[in-house]
Amino acid sequence: MDGTEALLALMAGLAAAGPLLALRHPLWRTPFHPAVAFGVPYFLITAGPAIRYLVYGIEPYGIHLDMLGRALAVAAGAQAGILVGCVLAKAVPPRPRPYLLLRRPQRFRRIVGRVCLLALGLAAVSLAARWSELAMTGKLDLGAADSLWLRIHYASFFLLLATIPAVIVADQMVEHRPLPRLTRLVVVGFGVVCLLQSERDVALVLLMIPISWLAVRTDPAPQLRDRQQGRRFGVVHVGAAFAGAAALLAVMQWARSGGGLGLADQASALASTAREESVVQTSLQTILGLGSNLFVVSRVVEWVPDEAPHEHGMTYVHTLVNLVPSFVLPELRQESLLTWFKERYAPTSQSGYGFGMEAEAYLNFGLVGPLVVFALWAFFLCRLHAGYHALPGALLYRYLYTFFVPFSLYSIRGDSLMCVKGLLYSVTAVWLLARLSGTTARARVA
């Protein structure tokens, strides 16, 4: 077994060890525990291109093969960090703290639903204004085509991703059903807008529905499921949710392969893929090749420290500074690492390449960085999961976990600024809506 296969085996073992060592309760009771919902997808997202290379002989995009082993070593450190964080959270029980109780869920649902529908309308108007451009050139990043409608698009999508999980949580708490009418309306509307412009964010929203429901379904209701039904429901839910999200991402990847985003272009690309001899094999290859983290990491380990020095934590300091309004400390603001990577790898490109949280950790602290950063990340998710799983009517715990698990999977291919800003701004917006509407109260664990 060569180094690449050994590192993949190590990552697979670490991913499998999480559910075995870190869960306080049986898997059927907590199928969306971070050891499962964060650790296992991270392995597939990161190691997928390397697995596809070994199984099908398809070389990973943009990776110099002599850098593949070093890139996998960084990813293995991050995978080990997830396991360490989850095990540490199990070993150190959380202390009881006051929490925010949603005492008027119907009123909160009405308010957050209106905000969400407003954002959905703005997203639809922005799409209509940019439709001819999308059909001809495809999706452009904000830096490549800075326009008013493109800014409205990104602002409305941020507001949608912040409010949709709040709508889902409140709607399920009121109706005590996994897919109530308002949730269906919002998710279908968001899905249509995403599919028309080939935005993959809809996959994140689909994951939010079962994550929220697995906490809400334990609330008192006129008719409760018996224990055996709940056991089957939990295991099936987590598998079906991630399989459905992966299949949707694969289909959208095929649709984007035709160049333009017009309906005819997307349909033609899908028809071309459907004519392949083995759709199942093509689907598996596409799913394994979705992740770009290994590509980014392979370039970063090639550049650092030979061509660029380690940052020794400065990118995380820049993240904190960039949270401050730009007029306060303008001289300290820095560009995002997504921009840094694009300027270094392909400065004339019209689209970005993302980045990687483990790449940022390595850029700062070398091989120890991914272990520490991902351990802290997983520990925080486990603390959120404890409140989400155990506290009745806990609005912020349920909202935060429903939002942050899918957003963590999204942020894996970003940087700390994207992750922290997205989390902080979203929870602040929902907290303000809840407090100003008078729909919450502070509660303590009995």
Foldseek 3Di string as FASTA:
>chain_A
DDLLVVLLVLLVVLLVVQQVQQDPDHCLLCVCACSRLPLVVLSLQQCLQVVCCVPVVDHFPQFDVVLLSVLSLLSSLLSLLLSLLRNVPRVDDDDWDKFKFQQFLVLLLVVLLVQLVVLLVLLVVLCVVCVVVQQPFADFDCVLPPDPSVVSNVVSVLSNLLRLLLNQLSVCLVVVDLQDDSNVVSLVSVVVSCLLRLNLCSLLSLLLSVLSNSLSLPDDDPDHDDPVVSSVCRVVSVVVSVVVSLQVNLLSVQLPVQGGSHPVSSVVSNVVLVPDPDNVVSSSSSSSNPHCASSQLSVLVVCPPVPPYAAQCVLVVLLVVVLDPCVPCVVSHDDFVQQVSCCVPPVPDRHTRFHFASSNLCSHPNSNRSSNVSSVVSNVLNVLVVCSRPPPSRSLSSSLNSSLSSVVVVCRRHYPNSNVNSSVVSSVVSVCSCVVSVRIDIDTDD
